[in-house]
Amino acid sequence: MSADVTVLGLGPMGSALAGAFVAAGHRTTVWNRTPGKADPLLRKGAVEAASAGAALGAGPLTVVSLSTYEAVQEVLRPLAGELAGRTLINLTSGPPVCAREMDAWAEHAGAAYLDGVVMTTPSGIGSRHFLQLYAGSPTVFEEHRETLAALGDPVYVGADTALPSVYDTTLLCQMWSTLTGWLHSVVLIGADGPGGNVTATQYTEVANRWMDTVRFFMDAYASQVDSEQYPSGDFPLDLHRATMGILTHASELRGADTGMPELFTALTERAIAAGHGNDSYARLVEFVRREGRPGAAPA
């Protein structure tokens, strides 16, 4: 069903959000502090408001995408008296503490509030293959889930509005780790390697299928981390360590940077030295944690 949506902020991300709402058939009002940014959206059917207040009054749901939380406050603070009964969904990037502060401010103004992050670049907005993460009231999220689906795959992560920012950081960590591992692998299997002329595209076709196995291990190890019990099955750390030696040697032969396999090896050797050679790879979570930090297990 069509809904009235307002988008405040028309940078690259805000423009993509507004464009996705328009494409999905939602009546979309837009506003930007710098004039002229709305022109491409107007040609697609969006309506430009003359002021942030007019944009806010165009409908019950406002999506905010500005450069910083400070900018969000600069725009919305003068409109605090007009927020009662409205819903704000803030997709501005920032630290967790700012999300909680914004949530408290919105509640005081009488507005429902969701904080969120967009887990893609502007070109990915509108595709159901990409996640948007939201936190806040589950009732508010469910009320607007169908509208938010115009942007991608809306996922609710909890009531604490700091959670999307935390997920954002940790998922980026996983992305960079995965992509760096993939690049390292591309170097190892490259055109002048022992396997002959294997292109990155050919390798990636196989690697994508292998990711099903990686997901299997992640699912199995997640429950071990939660329970702090690390049964190895048939793949203990001692066996991991032997395989890592092969990877380090191959990296040296192929002229690849050895920092990543050396990191794997160092963590694994610390765990084995502490008597955990028969445990699963998930045991390394206790050695990834820095000693002395909250929640750190003794190594």
C-alpha atoms as a PDB file:
ATOM      1  CA  MET A   1       0.000   0.000   0.000  1.00  0.00           C
ATOM      2  CA  SER A   2       1.141   3.537  -0.738  1.00  0.00           C
ATOM      3  CA  ALA A   3       2.278   5.613   2.233  1.00  0.00           C
ATOM      4  CA  ASP A   4       3.249   9.238   2.749  1.00  0.00           C
ATOM      5  CA  VAL A   5       6.987   9.459   3.397  1.00  0.00           C
ATOM      6  CA  THR A   6       9.223  12.453   4.000  1.00  0.00           C
ATOM      7  CA  VAL A   7      12.980  12.299   3.431  1.00  0.00           C
ATOM      8  CA  LEU A   8      15.165  14.956   5.055  1.00  0.00           C
ATOM      9  CA  GLY A   9      18.602  15.168   3.467  1.00  0.00           C
ATOM     10  CA  LEU A  10      19.425  14.608  -0.195  1.00  0.00           C
ATOM     11  CA  GLY A  11      23.063  13.663  -0.232  1.00  0.00           C
ATOM     12  CA  PRO A  12      23.950  10.536  -2.239  1.00  0.00           C
ATOM     13  CA  MET A  13      22.325   8.236   0.323  1.00  0.00           C
ATOM     14  CA  GLY A  14      19.279  10.401   1.043  1.00  0.00           C
ATOM     15  CA  SER A  15      18.613  10.815  -2.672  1.00  0.00           C
ATOM     16  CA  ALA A  16      18.809   7.045  -3.153  1.00  0.00           C
ATOM     17  CA  LEU A  17      16.388   6.498  -0.253  1.00  0.00           C
ATOM     18  CA  ALA A  18      13.903   9.003  -1.645  1.00  0.00           C
ATOM     19  CA  GLY A  19      14.229   7.527  -5.133  1.00  0.00           C
ATOM     20  CA  ALA A  20      13.461   4.046  -3.812  1.00  0.00           C
ATOM     21  CA  PHE A  21      10.352   5.293  -2.023  1.00  0.00           C
ATOM     22  CA  VAL A  22       9.153   7.001  -5.208  1.00  0.00           C
ATOM     23  CA  ALA A  23       9.878   3.904  -7.295  1.00  0.00           C
ATOM     24  CA  ALA A  24       7.830   1.801  -4.851  1.00  0.00           C
ATOM     25  CA  GLY A  25       4.827   4.092  -5.314  1.00  0.00           C
ATOM     26  CA  HIS A  26       5.012   5.995  -2.033  1.00  0.00           C
ATOM     27  CA  ARG A  27       4.032   9.661  -1.984  1.00  0.00           C
ATOM     28  CA  THR A  28       7.419  11.148  -1.177  1.00  0.00           C
ATOM     29  CA  THR A  29       8.186  14.643   0.075  1.00  0.00           C
ATOM     30  CA  VAL A  30      11.826  15.726   0.132  1.00  0.00           C
ATOM     31  CA  TRP A  31      13.852  18.540   1.611  1.00  0.00           C
ATOM     32  CA  ASN A  32      17.531  19.457   1.609  1.00  0.00           C
ATOM     33  CA  ARG A  33      19.389  22.322   3.209  1.00  0.00           C
ATOM     34  CA  THR A  34      21.170  23.070  -0.079  1.00  0.00           C
ATOM     35  CA  PRO A  35      18.696  23.922  -2.859  1.00  0.00           C
ATOM     36  CA  GLY A  36      18.776  22.132  -6.218  1.00  0.00           C
ATOM     37  CA  LYS A  37      19.436  18.610  -4.960  1.00  0.00           C
ATOM     38  CA  ALA A  38      15.779  17.626  -5.390  1.00  0.00           C
ATOM     39  CA  ASP A  39      15.502  18.267  -9.137  1.00  0.00           C
ATOM     40  CA  PRO A  40      16.168  14.662 -10.328  1.00  0.00           C
ATOM     41  CA  LEU A  41      13.676  13.349  -7.775  1.00  0.00           C
ATOM     42  CA  LEU A  42      11.014  15.876  -8.787  1.00  0.00           C
ATOM     43  CA  ARG A  43      11.196  14.570 -12.340  1.00  0.00           C
ATOM     44  CA  LYS A  44      10.426  11.090 -10.966  1.00  0.00           C
ATOM     45  CA  GLY A  45       7.398  12.262  -8.986  1.00  0.00           C
ATOM     46  CA  ALA A  46       8.684  13.455  -5.605  1.00  0.00           C
ATOM     47  CA  VAL A  47       7.452  16.716  -4.081  1.00  0.00           C
ATOM     48  CA  GLU A  48       9.890  19.269  -2.701  1.00  0.00           C
ATOM     49  CA  ALA A  49       9.011  21.078   0.525  1.00  0.00           C
ATOM     50  CA  ALA A  50      10.012  24.684   1.002  1.00  0.00           C
ATOM     51  CA  SER A  51      11.294  24.055   4.542  1.00  0.00           C
ATOM     52  CA  ALA A  52      12.123  21.246   6.914  1.00  0.00           C
ATOM     53  CA  GLY A  53       8.980  22.074   8.878  1.00  0.00           C
ATOM     54  CA  ALA A  54       6.806  21.847   5.767  1.00  0.00           C
ATOM     55  CA  ALA A  55       8.431  18.514   4.877  1.00  0.00           C
ATOM     56  CA  LEU A  56       7.815  17.186   8.368  1.00  0.00           C
ATOM     57  CA  GLY A  57       4.158  18.197   8.173  1.00  0.00           C
ATOM     58  CA  ALA A  58       3.616  16.417   4.854  1.00  0.00           C
ATOM     59  CA  GLY A  59       3.051  13.049   6.497  1.00  0.00           C
ATOM     60  CA  PRO A  60       3.377  10.987   9.654  1.00  0.00           C
ATOM     61  CA  LEU A  61       6.661   9.244   8.705  1.00  0.00           C
ATOM     62  CA  THR A  62       9.980  11.054   8.273  1.00  0.00           C
ATOM     63  CA  VAL A  63      13.238   9.375   7.278  1.00  0.00           C
ATOM     64  CA  VAL A  64      16.363  11.382   8.085  1.00  0.00           C
ATOM     65  CA  SER A  65      19.679  10.970   6.273  1.00  0.00           C
ATOM     66  CA  LEU A  66      22.099  13.778   7.083  1.00  0.00           C
ATOM     67  CA  SER A  67      25.861  13.978   7.456  1.00  0.00           C
ATOM     68  CA  THR A  68      26.025  13.731  11.277  1.00  0.00           C
ATOM     69  CA  TYR A  69      23.797  13.471  14.340  1.00  0.00           C
ATOM     70  CA  GLU A  70      24.717  17.078  15.077  1.00  0.00           C
ATOM     71  CA  ALA A  71      23.226  18.050  11.720  1.00  0.00           C
ATOM     72  CA  VAL A  72      20.081  16.067  12.570  1.00  0.00           C
ATOM     73  CA  GLN A  73      19.703  18.009  15.791  1.00  0.00           C
ATOM     74  CA  GLU A  74      20.299  21.325  14.019  1.00  0.00           C
ATOM     75  CA  VAL A  75      17.457  20.581  11.622  1.00  0.00           C
ATOM     76  CA  LEU A  76      14.995  18.998  14.052  1.00  0.00           C
ATOM     77  CA  ARG A  77      15.564  20.903  17.291  1.00  0.00           C
ATOM     78  CA  PRO A  78      13.655  24.002  16.088  1.00  0.00           C
ATOM     79  CA  LEU A  79      10.789  21.671  15.091  1.00  0.00           C
ATOM     80  CA  ALA A  80      10.491  19.871  18.430  1.00  0.00           C
ATOM     81  CA  GLY A  81       7.023  21.295  19.032  1.00  0.00           C
ATOM     82  CA  GLU A  82       5.771  19.736  15.786  1.00  0.00           C
ATOM     83  CA  LEU A  83       6.989  16.183  16.406  1.00  0.00           C
ATOM     84  CA  ALA A  84       4.281  14.876  18.726  1.00  0.00           C
ATOM     85  CA  GLY A  85       2.527  11.872  17.227  1.00  0.00           C
ATOM     86  CA  ARG A  86       4.973  11.541  14.348  1.00  0.00           C
ATOM     87  CA  THR A  87       7.558   8.853  13.586  1.00  0.00           C
ATOM     88  CA  LEU A  88      11.225   9.587  12.955  1.00  0.00           C
ATOM     89  CA  ILE A  89      13.511   7.008  11.384  1.00  0.00           C
ATOM     90  CA  ASN A  90      17.102   8.169  11.524  1.00  0.00           C
ATOM     91  CA  LEU A  91      19.480   6.577   9.011  1.00  0.00           C
ATOM     92  CA  THR A  92      22.351   8.944   9.757  1.00  0.00           C
ATOM     93  CA  SER A  93      25.669   7.284  10.598  1.00  0.00           C
ATOM     94  CA  GLY A  94      27.143   7.914  14.027  1.00  0.00           C
ATOM     95  CA  PRO A  95      28.289   6.388  17.320  1.00  0.00           C
ATOM     96  CA  PRO A  96      25.927   4.388  19.565  1.00  0.00           C
ATOM     97  CA  VAL A  97      25.745   7.078  22.255  1.00  0.00           C
ATOM     98  CA  CYS A  98      24.329   9.564  19.739  1.00  0.00           C
ATOM     99  CA  ALA A  99      21.563   7.126  18.801  1.00  0.00           C
ATOM    100  CA  ARG A 100      20.504   6.785  22.427  1.00  0.00           C
ATOM    101  CA  GLU A 101      20.612  10.542  22.958  1.00  0.00           C
ATOM    102  CA  MET A 102      18.514  11.090  19.848  1.00  0.00           C
ATOM    103  CA  ASP A 103      16.027   8.473  21.012  1.00  0.00           C
ATOM    104  CA  ALA A 104      15.624  10.208  24.382  1.00  0.00           C
ATOM    105  CA  TRP A 105      15.216  13.597  22.700  1.00  0.00           C
ATOM    106  CA  ALA A 106      12.566  12.280  20.306  1.00  0.00           C
ATOM    107  CA  GLU A 107      10.663  10.624  23.156  1.00  0.00           C
ATOM    108  CA  HIS A 108      10.649  13.901  25.083  1.00  0.00           C
ATOM    109  CA  ALA A 109       9.252  15.611  21.967  1.00  0.00           C
ATOM    110  CA  GLY A 110       6.497  13.004  21.733  1.00  0.00           C
ATOM    111  CA  ALA A 111       7.756  11.282  18.588  1.00  0.00           C
ATOM    112  CA  ALA A 112       8.206   7.580  17.931  1.00  0.00           C
ATOM    113  CA  TYR A 113      11.791   6.863  16.969  1.00  0.00           C
ATOM    114  CA  LEU A 114      13.761   4.178  15.174  1.00  0.00           C
ATOM    115  CA  ASP A 115      17.488   4.340  14.596  1.00  0.00           C
ATOM    116  CA  GLY A 116      18.973   2.439  11.700  1.00  0.00           C
ATOM    117  CA  VAL A 117      21.882   1.827   9.369  1.00  0.00           C
ATOM    118  CA  VAL A 118      21.961   1.092   5.675  1.00  0.00           C
ATOM    119  CA  MET A 119      24.306  -1.830   4.998  1.00  0.00           C
ATOM    120  CA  THR A 120      25.061  -0.945   1.374  1.00  0.00           C
ATOM    121  CA  THR A 121      26.155   1.923  -0.829  1.00  0.00           C
ATOM    122  CA  PRO A 122      23.573   4.195  -2.495  1.00  0.00           C
ATOM    123  CA  SER A 123      23.565   2.062  -5.658  1.00  0.00           C
ATOM    124  CA  GLY A 124      22.286  -0.902  -3.620  1.00  0.00           C
ATOM    125  CA  ILE A 125      19.254   0.896  -2.194  1.00  0.00           C
ATOM    126  CA  GLY A 126      16.023  -0.712  -3.353  1.00  0.00           C
ATOM    127  CA  SER A 127      17.446  -4.228  -3.690  1.00  0.00           C
ATOM    128  CA  ARG A 128      16.152  -6.926  -1.359  1.00  0.00           C
ATOM    129  CA  HIS A 129      19.653  -8.427  -1.358  1.00  0.00           C
ATOM    130  CA  PHE A 130      20.917  -5.696   0.998  1.00  0.00           C
ATOM    131  CA  LEU A 131      20.124  -5.178   4.668  1.00  0.00           C
ATOM    132  CA  GLN A 132      18.863  -2.199   6.577  1.00  0.00           C
ATOM    133  CA  LEU A 133      19.077  -2.645  10.348  1.00  0.00           C
ATOM    134  CA  TYR A 134      16.610  -0.963  12.709  1.00  0.00           C
ATOM    135  CA  ALA A 135      16.212  -0.691  16.481  1.00  0.00           C
ATOM    136  CA  GLY A 136      13.693   0.901  18.798  1.00  0.00           C
ATOM    137  CA  SER A 137      10.071   0.070  19.429  1.00  0.00           C
ATOM    138  CA  PRO A 138       9.133  -3.272  17.819  1.00  0.00           C
ATOM    139  CA  THR A 139       5.590  -1.962  17.381  1.00  0.00           C
ATOM    140  CA  VAL A 140       6.806   1.064  15.427  1.00  0.00           C
ATOM    141  CA  PHE A 141       9.057  -1.138  13.293  1.00  0.00           C
ATOM    142  CA  GLU A 142       6.228  -3.521  12.413  1.00  0.00           C
ATOM    143  CA  GLU A 143       3.949  -0.598  11.600  1.00  0.00           C
ATOM    144  CA  HIS A 144       6.391   0.675   8.978  1.00  0.00           C
ATOM    145  CA  ARG A 145       8.094  -2.547   7.875  1.00  0.00           C
ATOM    146  CA  GLU A 146       6.248  -2.694   4.550  1.00  0.00           C
ATOM    147  CA  THR A 147       7.179   0.891   3.714  1.00  0.00           C
ATOM    148  CA  LEU A 148      10.812   0.351   4.686  1.00  0.00           C
ATOM    149  CA  ALA A 149      10.932  -2.732   2.452  1.00  0.00           C
ATOM    150  CA  ALA A 150      11.134  -0.290  -0.472  1.00  0.00           C
ATOM    151  CA  LEU A 151      14.735   0.343   0.601  1.00  0.00           C
ATOM    152  CA  GLY A 152      15.873  -3.283   0.851  1.00  0.00           C
ATOM    153  CA  ASP A 153      15.565  -6.021   3.451  1.00  0.00           C
ATOM    154  CA  PRO A 154      14.471  -4.417   6.770  1.00  0.00           C
ATOM    155  CA  VAL A 155      15.811  -6.297   9.790  1.00  0.00           C
ATOM    156  CA  TYR A 156      14.869  -5.510  13.393  1.00  0.00           C
ATOM    157  CA  VAL A 157      17.805  -6.002  15.801  1.00  0.00           C
ATOM    158  CA  GLY A 158      16.345  -4.966  19.156  1.00  0.00           C
ATOM    159  CA  ALA A 159      14.892  -2.258  21.360  1.00  0.00           C
ATOM    160  CA  ASP A 160      18.202  -0.518  22.150  1.00  0.00           C
ATOM    161  CA  THR A 161      18.673   2.157  19.499  1.00  0.00           C
ATOM    162  CA  ALA A 162      22.469   1.884  19.846  1.00  0.00           C
ATOM    163  CA  LEU A 163      22.430  -1.600  18.291  1.00  0.00           C
ATOM    164  CA  PRO A 164      22.369  -0.654  14.574  1.00  0.00           C
ATOM    165  CA  SER A 165      25.574   1.355  14.997  1.00  0.00           C
ATOM    166  CA  VAL A 166      27.207  -1.537  16.856  1.00  0.00           C
ATOM    167  CA  TYR A 167      26.125  -4.012  14.178  1.00  0.00           C
ATOM    168  CA  ASP A 168      27.389  -1.627  11.504  1.00  0.00           C
ATOM    169  CA  THR A 169      30.904  -1.597  12.962  1.00  0.00           C
ATOM    170  CA  THR A 170      31.059  -5.329  13.554  1.00  0.00           C
ATOM    171  CA  LEU A 171      29.647  -6.267  10.153  1.00  0.00           C
ATOM    172  CA  LEU A 172      32.161  -3.975   8.469  1.00  0.00           C
ATOM    173  CA  CYS A 173      34.876  -5.785  10.431  1.00  0.00           C
ATOM    174  CA  GLN A 174      33.606  -9.078   9.044  1.00  0.00           C
ATOM    175  CA  MET A 175      33.373  -7.643   5.529  1.00  0.00           C
ATOM    176  CA  TRP A 176      36.937  -6.320   5.531  1.00  0.00           C
ATOM    177  CA  SER A 177      38.254  -9.559   7.029  1.00  0.00           C
ATOM    178  CA  THR A 178      36.425 -11.605   4.398  1.00  0.00           C
ATOM    179  CA  LEU A 179      37.437  -9.397   1.478  1.00  0.00           C
ATOM    180  CA  THR A 180      41.062  -9.295   2.609  1.00  0.00           C
ATOM    181  CA  GLY A 181      41.091 -13.081   2.918  1.00  0.00           C
ATOM    182  CA  TRP A 182      39.582 -13.327  -0.560  1.00  0.00           C
ATOM    183  CA  LEU A 183      42.213 -10.957  -2.007  1.00  0.00           C
ATOM    184  CA  HIS A 184      44.962 -12.976  -0.325  1.00  0.00           C
ATOM    185  CA  SER A 185      43.514 -16.122  -1.904  1.00  0.00           C
ATOM    186  CA  VAL A 186      43.369 -14.462  -5.336  1.00  0.00           C
ATOM    187  CA  VAL A 187      47.086 -13.710  -5.047  1.00  0.00           C
ATOM    188  CA  LEU A 188      47.853 -17.298  -4.083  1.00  0.00           C
ATOM    189  CA  ILE A 189      45.941 -18.831  -6.982  1.00  0.00           C
ATOM    190  CA  GLY A 190      46.855 -16.198  -9.581  1.00  0.00           C
ATOM    191  CA  ALA A 191      47.957 -16.594 -13.151  1.00  0.00           C
ATOM    192  CA  ASP A 192      51.595 -17.505 -12.412  1.00  0.00           C
ATOM    193  CA  GLY A 193      50.713 -19.951  -9.647  1.00  0.00           C
ATOM    194  CA  PRO A 194      51.152 -23.706  -9.687  1.00  0.00           C
ATOM    195  CA  GLY A 195      47.600 -24.212 -10.956  1.00  0.00           C
ATOM    196  CA  GLY A 196      48.147 -22.200 -14.104  1.00  0.00           C
ATOM    197  CA  ASN A 197      46.043 -19.323 -15.346  1.00  0.00           C
ATOM    198  CA  VAL A 198      43.231 -19.155 -12.765  1.00  0.00           C
ATOM    199  CA  THR A 199      41.469 -15.815 -12.933  1.00  0.00           C
ATOM    200  CA  ALA A 200      39.931 -14.037  -9.956  1.00  0.00           C
ATOM    201  CA  THR A 201      36.520 -14.601 -11.531  1.00  0.00           C
ATOM    202  CA  GLN A 202      37.083 -18.345 -11.877  1.00  0.00           C
ATOM    203  CA  TYR A 203      38.350 -18.614  -8.325  1.00  0.00           C
ATOM    204  CA  THR A 204      35.418 -16.612  -6.943  1.00  0.00           C
ATOM    205  CA  GLU A 205      32.877 -18.948  -8.531  1.00  0.00           C
ATOM    206  CA  VAL A 206      34.325 -21.756  -6.410  1.00  0.00           C
ATOM    207  CA  ALA A 207      34.821 -19.537  -3.334  1.00  0.00           C
ATOM    208  CA  ASN A 208      31.169 -18.494  -3.336  1.00  0.00           C
ATOM    209  CA  ARG A 209      30.119 -22.142  -3.112  1.00  0.00           C
ATOM    210  CA  TRP A 210      32.647 -22.693  -0.309  1.00  0.00           C
ATOM    211  CA  MET A 211      30.946 -19.962   1.712  1.00  0.00           C
ATOM    212  CA  ASP A 212      28.158 -22.422   2.505  1.00  0.00           C
ATOM    213  CA  THR A 213      30.747 -24.404   4.477  1.00  0.00           C
ATOM    214  CA  VAL A 214      31.992 -21.254   6.216  1.00  0.00           C
ATOM    215  CA  ARG A 215      28.414 -20.421   7.249  1.00  0.00           C
ATOM    216  CA  PHE A 216      28.059 -23.953   8.607  1.00  0.00           C
ATOM    217  CA  PHE A 217      31.074 -23.407  10.875  1.00  0.00           C
ATOM    218  CA  MET A 218      29.838 -19.966  11.963  1.00  0.00           C
ATOM    219  CA  ASP A 219      26.451 -21.381  12.951  1.00  0.00           C
ATOM    220  CA  ALA A 220      28.070 -24.231  14.883  1.00  0.00           C
ATOM    221  CA  TYR A 221      30.645 -22.015  16.589  1.00  0.00           C
ATOM    222  CA  ALA A 222      28.152 -19.295  17.576  1.00  0.00           C
ATOM    223  CA  SER A 223      26.449 -21.576  20.084  1.00  0.00           C
ATOM    224  CA  GLN A 224      29.865 -22.647  21.412  1.00  0.00           C
ATOM    225  CA  VAL A 225      30.873 -19.022  22.019  1.00  0.00           C
ATOM    226  CA  ASP A 226      27.566 -18.347  23.790  1.00  0.00           C
ATOM    227  CA  SER A 227      27.931 -21.425  26.002  1.00  0.00           C
ATOM    228  CA  GLU A 228      31.738 -21.118  26.443  1.00  0.00           C
ATOM    229  CA  GLN A 229      32.033 -24.803  25.545  1.00  0.00           C
ATOM    230  CA  TYR A 230      34.270 -25.660  22.579  1.00  0.00           C
ATOM    231  CA  PRO A 231      34.030 -29.293  21.457  1.00  0.00           C
ATOM    232  CA  SER A 232      36.183 -29.777  18.362  1.00  0.00           C
ATOM    233  CA  GLY A 233      34.548 -32.714  16.649  1.00  0.00           C
ATOM    234  CA  ASP A 234      36.940 -33.786  13.903  1.00  0.00           C
ATOM    235  CA  PHE A 235      38.619 -30.390  13.380  1.00  0.00           C
ATOM    236  CA  PRO A 236      40.601 -29.456  16.532  1.00  0.00           C
ATOM    237  CA  LEU A 237      42.991 -26.528  16.826  1.00  0.00           C
ATOM    238  CA  ASP A 238      45.984 -28.855  16.470  1.00  0.00           C
ATOM    239  CA  LEU A 239      44.790 -29.690  12.961  1.00  0.00           C
ATOM    240  CA  HIS A 240      44.072 -26.048  12.165  1.00  0.00           C
ATOM    241  CA  ARG A 241      47.640 -25.204  13.194  1.00  0.00           C
ATOM    242  CA  ALA A 242      49.116 -27.779  10.816  1.00  0.00           C
ATOM    243  CA  THR A 243      47.047 -26.412   7.928  1.00  0.00           C
ATOM    244  CA  MET A 244      48.035 -22.831   8.744  1.00  0.00           C
ATOM    245  CA  GLY A 245      51.679 -23.806   8.296  1.00  0.00           C
ATOM    246  CA  ILE A 246      50.899 -24.764   4.718  1.00  0.00           C
ATOM    247  CA  LEU A 247      49.195 -21.404   4.136  1.00  0.00           C
ATOM    248  CA  THR A 248      52.121 -19.420   5.540  1.00  0.00           C
ATOM    249  CA  HIS A 249      54.604 -21.365   3.391  1.00  0.00           C
ATOM    250  CA  ALA A 250      52.466 -20.896   0.267  1.00  0.00           C
ATOM    251  CA  SER A 251      52.206 -17.161   0.957  1.00  0.00           C
ATOM    252  CA  GLU A 252      55.972 -16.850   1.207  1.00  0.00           C
ATOM    253  CA  LEU A 253      56.475 -18.757  -2.056  1.00  0.00           C
ATOM    254  CA  ARG A 254      53.907 -16.655  -3.902  1.00  0.00           C
ATOM    255  CA  GLY A 255      55.197 -13.321  -2.613  1.00  0.00           C
ATOM    256  CA  ALA A 256      51.998 -12.621  -0.686  1.00  0.00           C
ATOM    257  CA  ASP A 257      51.990 -10.649   2.542  1.00  0.00           C
ATOM    258  CA  THR A 258      52.236 -13.113   5.424  1.00  0.00           C
ATOM    259  CA  GLY A 259      50.681 -10.880   8.081  1.00  0.00           C
ATOM    260  CA  MET A 260      47.250 -12.505   7.932  1.00  0.00           C
ATOM    261  CA  PRO A 261      48.331 -16.166   8.154  1.00  0.00           C
ATOM    262  CA  GLU A 262      50.815 -15.172  10.861  1.00  0.00           C
ATOM    263  CA  LEU A 263      47.944 -13.634  12.852  1.00  0.00           C
ATOM    264  CA  PHE A 264      45.892 -16.836  12.522  1.00  0.00           C
ATOM    265  CA  THR A 265      48.904 -18.886  13.553  1.00  0.00           C
ATOM    266  CA  ALA A 266      49.825 -16.700  16.531  1.00  0.00           C
ATOM    267  CA  LEU A 267      46.313 -16.852  17.989  1.00  0.00           C
ATOM    268  CA  THR A 268      46.127 -20.603  17.453  1.00  0.00           C
ATOM    269  CA  GLU A 269      49.546 -21.237  18.982  1.00  0.00           C
ATOM    270  CA  ARG A 270      48.623 -19.206  22.064  1.00  0.00           C
ATOM    271  CA  ALA A 271      45.498 -21.311  22.516  1.00  0.00           C
ATOM    272  CA  ILE A 272      47.389 -24.564  22.039  1.00  0.00           C
ATOM    273  CA  ALA A 273      50.097 -23.451  24.473  1.00  0.00           C
ATOM    274  CA  ALA A 274      47.347 -22.799  27.018  1.00  0.00           C
ATOM    275  CA  GLY A 275      46.200 -26.403  26.666  1.00  0.00           C
ATOM    276  CA  HIS A 276      43.358 -26.022  24.150  1.00  0.00           C
ATOM    277  CA  GLY A 277      44.748 -28.004  21.222  1.00  0.00           C
ATOM    278  CA  ASN A 278      41.787 -30.392  21.268  1.00  0.00           C
ATOM    279  CA  ASP A 279      39.204 -27.582  21.248  1.00  0.00           C
ATOM    280  CA  SER A 280      37.418 -26.103  18.250  1.00  0.00           C
ATOM    281  CA  TYR A 281      38.412 -22.947  16.388  1.00  0.00           C
ATOM    282  CA  ALA A 282      35.757 -21.081  18.365  1.00  0.00           C
ATOM    283  CA  ARG A 283      38.057 -21.237  21.424  1.00  0.00           C
ATOM    284  CA  LEU A 284      40.110 -18.474  19.790  1.00  0.00           C
ATOM    285  CA  VAL A 285      37.435 -15.954  20.784  1.00  0.00           C
ATOM    286  CA  GLU A 286      39.104 -15.907  24.200  1.00  0.00           C
ATOM    287  CA  PHE A 287      42.394 -14.930  22.565  1.00  0.00           C
ATOM    288  CA  VAL A 288      40.914 -12.376  20.182  1.00  0.00           C
ATOM    289  CA  ARG A 289      39.709 -10.497  23.267  1.00  0.00           C
ATOM    290  CA  ARG A 290      42.364  -8.258  24.748  1.00  0.00           C
ATOM    291  CA  GLU A 291      43.399  -9.260  28.246  1.00  0.00           C
ATOM    292  CA  GLY A 292      42.051  -7.027  30.989  1.00  0.00           C
ATOM    293  CA  ARG A 293      39.074  -5.822  28.950  1.00  0.00           C
ATOM    294  CA  PRO A 294      35.493  -6.363  30.137  1.00  0.00           C
ATOM    295  CA  GLY A 295      34.394  -9.913  29.374  1.00  0.00           C
ATOM    296  CA  ALA A 296      37.900 -11.063  28.558  1.00  0.00           C
ATOM    297  CA  ALA A 297      38.680 -14.639  29.480  1.00  0.00           C
ATOM    298  CA  PRO A 298      42.146 -15.366  30.818  1.00  0.00           C
ATOM    299  CA  ALA A 299      44.569 -16.620  28.197  1.00  0.00           C
END
